[in-house]
C-alpha atoms as a PDB file:
ATOM      1  CA  MET A   1      -4.200 -18.101  -4.157  1.00  0.00           C
ATOM      2  CA  GLU A   2      -5.948 -18.761  -7.445  1.00  0.00           C
ATOM      3  CA  VAL A   3      -4.478 -20.688 -10.351  1.00  0.00           C
ATOM      4  CA  THR A   4      -6.152 -21.148 -13.713  1.00  0.00           C
ATOM      5  CA  VAL A   5      -4.741 -23.198 -16.548  1.00  0.00           C
ATOM      6  CA  ASN A   6      -5.908 -22.601 -20.113  1.00  0.00           C
ATOM      7  CA  LYS A   7      -4.784 -23.562 -23.604  1.00  0.00           C
ATOM      8  CA  GLN A   8      -4.496 -20.500 -25.844  1.00  0.00           C
ATOM      9  CA  GLU A   9      -3.034 -20.433 -29.339  1.00  0.00           C
ATOM     10  CA  GLY A  10      -1.134 -23.675 -28.767  1.00  0.00           C
ATOM     11  CA  LYS A  11       0.339 -22.492 -25.461  1.00  0.00           C
ATOM     12  CA  THR A  12      -0.462 -23.508 -21.910  1.00  0.00           C
ATOM     13  CA  VAL A  13      -1.246 -20.317 -19.985  1.00  0.00           C
ATOM     14  CA  VAL A  14      -1.090 -20.463 -16.200  1.00  0.00           C
ATOM     15  CA  VAL A  15      -2.584 -17.406 -14.503  1.00  0.00           C
ATOM     16  CA  LEU A  16      -1.400 -16.893 -10.927  1.00  0.00           C
ATOM     17  CA  ALA A  17      -3.373 -14.565  -8.649  1.00  0.00           C
ATOM     18  CA  GLY A  18      -2.745 -13.786  -4.997  1.00  0.00           C
ATOM     19  CA  ARG A  19       0.104 -14.830  -2.717  1.00  0.00           C
ATOM     20  CA  LEU A  20       2.287 -17.738  -3.788  1.00  0.00           C
ATOM     21  CA  ASP A  21       3.716 -18.608  -0.393  1.00  0.00           C
ATOM     22  CA  THR A  22       4.473 -21.734   1.608  1.00  0.00           C
ATOM     23  CA  PRO A  23       0.855 -22.452   2.659  1.00  0.00           C
ATOM     24  CA  SER A  24      -0.439 -22.150  -0.920  1.00  0.00           C
ATOM     25  CA  SER A  25       2.476 -23.786  -2.734  1.00  0.00           C
ATOM     26  CA  GLN A  26       1.337 -27.392  -2.233  1.00  0.00           C
ATOM     27  CA  GLU A  27      -2.098 -26.648  -3.687  1.00  0.00           C
ATOM     28  CA  VAL A  28      -0.553 -24.730  -6.594  1.00  0.00           C
ATOM     29  CA  MET A  29       1.849 -27.587  -7.352  1.00  0.00           C
ATOM     30  CA  SER A  30      -1.059 -30.052  -7.337  1.00  0.00           C
ATOM     31  CA  THR A  31      -2.866 -27.882  -9.872  1.00  0.00           C
ATOM     32  CA  LEU A  32       0.258 -27.681 -12.039  1.00  0.00           C
ATOM     33  CA  GLU A  33       1.048 -31.430 -12.031  1.00  0.00           C
ATOM     34  CA  PRO A  34      -0.617 -31.992 -15.450  1.00  0.00           C
ATOM     35  CA  VAL A  35       1.269 -28.989 -16.846  1.00  0.00           C
ATOM     36  CA  VAL A  36       4.582 -30.355 -15.566  1.00  0.00           C
ATOM     37  CA  ALA A  37       3.775 -33.853 -16.872  1.00  0.00           C
ATOM     38  CA  ASP A  38       3.138 -32.503 -20.393  1.00  0.00           C
ATOM     39  CA  ALA A  39       5.568 -29.583 -20.702  1.00  0.00           C
ATOM     40  CA  LYS A  40       6.609 -30.152 -24.322  1.00  0.00           C
ATOM     41  CA  GLY A  41       5.279 -26.870 -25.661  1.00  0.00           C
ATOM     42  CA  THR A  42       5.316 -23.293 -24.455  1.00  0.00           C
ATOM     43  CA  ILE A  43       4.138 -22.599 -20.922  1.00  0.00           C
ATOM     44  CA  VAL A  44       3.251 -19.011 -20.067  1.00  0.00           C
ATOM     45  CA  LEU A  45       3.249 -18.120 -16.364  1.00  0.00           C
ATOM     46  CA  ASP A  46       1.081 -15.008 -16.194  1.00  0.00           C
ATOM     47  CA  CYS A  47       1.972 -13.073 -13.041  1.00  0.00           C
ATOM     48  CA  LYS A  48      -0.040  -9.899 -13.580  1.00  0.00           C
ATOM     49  CA  ASP A  49      -2.198 -10.679 -10.524  1.00  0.00           C
ATOM     50  CA  LEU A  50       0.565 -12.277  -8.433  1.00  0.00           C
ATOM     51  CA  GLU A  51       0.983 -10.181  -5.284  1.00  0.00           C
ATOM     52  CA  TYR A  52       3.823 -12.042  -3.542  1.00  0.00           C
ATOM     53  CA  ILE A  53       6.149 -14.975  -4.136  1.00  0.00           C
ATOM     54  CA  SER A  54       8.143 -16.830  -1.471  1.00  0.00           C
ATOM     55  CA  SER A  55      11.001 -19.281  -1.865  1.00  0.00           C
ATOM     56  CA  SER A  56       8.409 -22.064  -2.081  1.00  0.00           C
ATOM     57  CA  GLY A  57       6.799 -20.257  -4.988  1.00  0.00           C
ATOM     58  CA  LEU A  58      10.150 -19.761  -6.689  1.00  0.00           C
ATOM     59  CA  ARG A  59      10.750 -23.497  -6.337  1.00  0.00           C
ATOM     60  CA  ILE A  60       7.532 -24.125  -8.291  1.00  0.00           C
ATOM     61  CA  PHE A  61       8.776 -21.866 -11.090  1.00  0.00           C
ATOM     62  CA  LEU A  62      12.027 -23.882 -11.165  1.00  0.00           C
ATOM     63  CA  THR A  63      10.113 -27.168 -11.244  1.00  0.00           C
ATOM     64  CA  VAL A  64       8.084 -26.009 -14.247  1.00  0.00           C
ATOM     65  CA  ARG A  65      11.229 -24.747 -15.998  1.00  0.00           C
ATOM     66  CA  LYS A  66      13.103 -28.000 -15.363  1.00  0.00           C
ATOM     67  CA  ALA A  67      10.207 -30.117 -16.673  1.00  0.00           C
ATOM     68  CA  ALA A  68       9.884 -27.961 -19.788  1.00  0.00           C
ATOM     69  CA  ALA A  69      13.624 -28.131 -20.484  1.00  0.00           C
ATOM     70  CA  ALA A  70      13.624 -31.918 -20.091  1.00  0.00           C
ATOM     71  CA  GLN A  71      10.729 -32.273 -22.552  1.00  0.00           C
ATOM     72  CA  GLY A  72      11.917 -29.717 -25.111  1.00  0.00           C
ATOM     73  CA  GLY A  73       9.468 -27.035 -24.035  1.00  0.00           C
ATOM     74  CA  ASN A  74      10.019 -23.501 -22.825  1.00  0.00           C
ATOM     75  CA  VAL A  75       8.641 -21.196 -20.150  1.00  0.00           C
ATOM     76  CA  ILE A  76       7.705 -17.547 -20.516  1.00  0.00           C
ATOM     77  CA  VAL A  77       7.002 -15.386 -17.460  1.00  0.00           C
ATOM     78  CA  LYS A  78       4.883 -12.347 -18.182  1.00  0.00           C
ATOM     79  CA  GLY A  79       3.121  -9.512 -16.436  1.00  0.00           C
ATOM     80  CA  MET A  80       5.401  -9.241 -13.400  1.00  0.00           C
ATOM     81  CA  SER A  81       4.839  -6.348 -11.031  1.00  0.00           C
ATOM     82  CA  ASP A  82       7.839  -4.310  -9.890  1.00  0.00           C
ATOM     83  CA  SER A  83       7.927  -6.141  -6.549  1.00  0.00           C
ATOM     84  CA  ILE A  84       7.920  -9.595  -8.161  1.00  0.00           C
ATOM     85  CA  ARG A  85      10.529  -8.438 -10.693  1.00  0.00           C
ATOM     86  CA  SER A  86      12.779  -7.242  -7.857  1.00  0.00           C
ATOM     87  CA  ILE A  87      12.571 -10.690  -6.226  1.00  0.00           C
ATOM     88  CA  PHE A  88      13.495 -12.288  -9.545  1.00  0.00           C
ATOM     89  CA  ILE A  89      16.451  -9.902  -9.861  1.00  0.00           C
ATOM     90  CA  MET A  90      17.674 -10.521  -6.303  1.00  0.00           C
ATOM     91  CA  THR A  91      17.490 -14.307  -6.684  1.00  0.00           C
ATOM     92  CA  GLY A  92      18.942 -14.468 -10.196  1.00  0.00           C
ATOM     93  CA  PHE A  93      15.706 -15.886 -11.593  1.00  0.00           C
ATOM     94  CA  LEU A  94      15.444 -13.076 -14.124  1.00  0.00           C
ATOM     95  CA  ASN A  95      18.264 -14.741 -16.090  1.00  0.00           C
ATOM     96  CA  LEU A  96      16.624 -18.188 -15.957  1.00  0.00           C
ATOM     97  CA  PHE A  97      13.368 -17.315 -17.681  1.00  0.00           C
ATOM     98  CA  GLN A  98      12.191 -15.634 -20.839  1.00  0.00           C
ATOM     99  CA  ILE A  99      10.426 -12.497 -19.566  1.00  0.00           C
ATOM    100  CA  GLU A 100       7.631 -10.617 -21.339  1.00  0.00           C
ATOM    101  CA  ALA A 101       6.097  -7.342 -20.237  1.00  0.00           C
END
């Protein structure tokens, strides 16, 4: 699992690549701690290279969303594959996030 965090055009862009599952979730959350601590602006979770997401991965998305909401920020999820989108639909996450193609 690879995670890169960049600032682009005033937004924090988090690119997720690989499998976001239980073994990788702790490392991913460690990488995202600064993003969660300063979630006042727009956070973009770029999932174009995300192959799989487990319940542990979904929990990370919720943590980021909760931190952003508490600090007046917002979260955009973009680039979801059909398989990731179906997981978001089944779990009701599609209604929790702003989704971009």
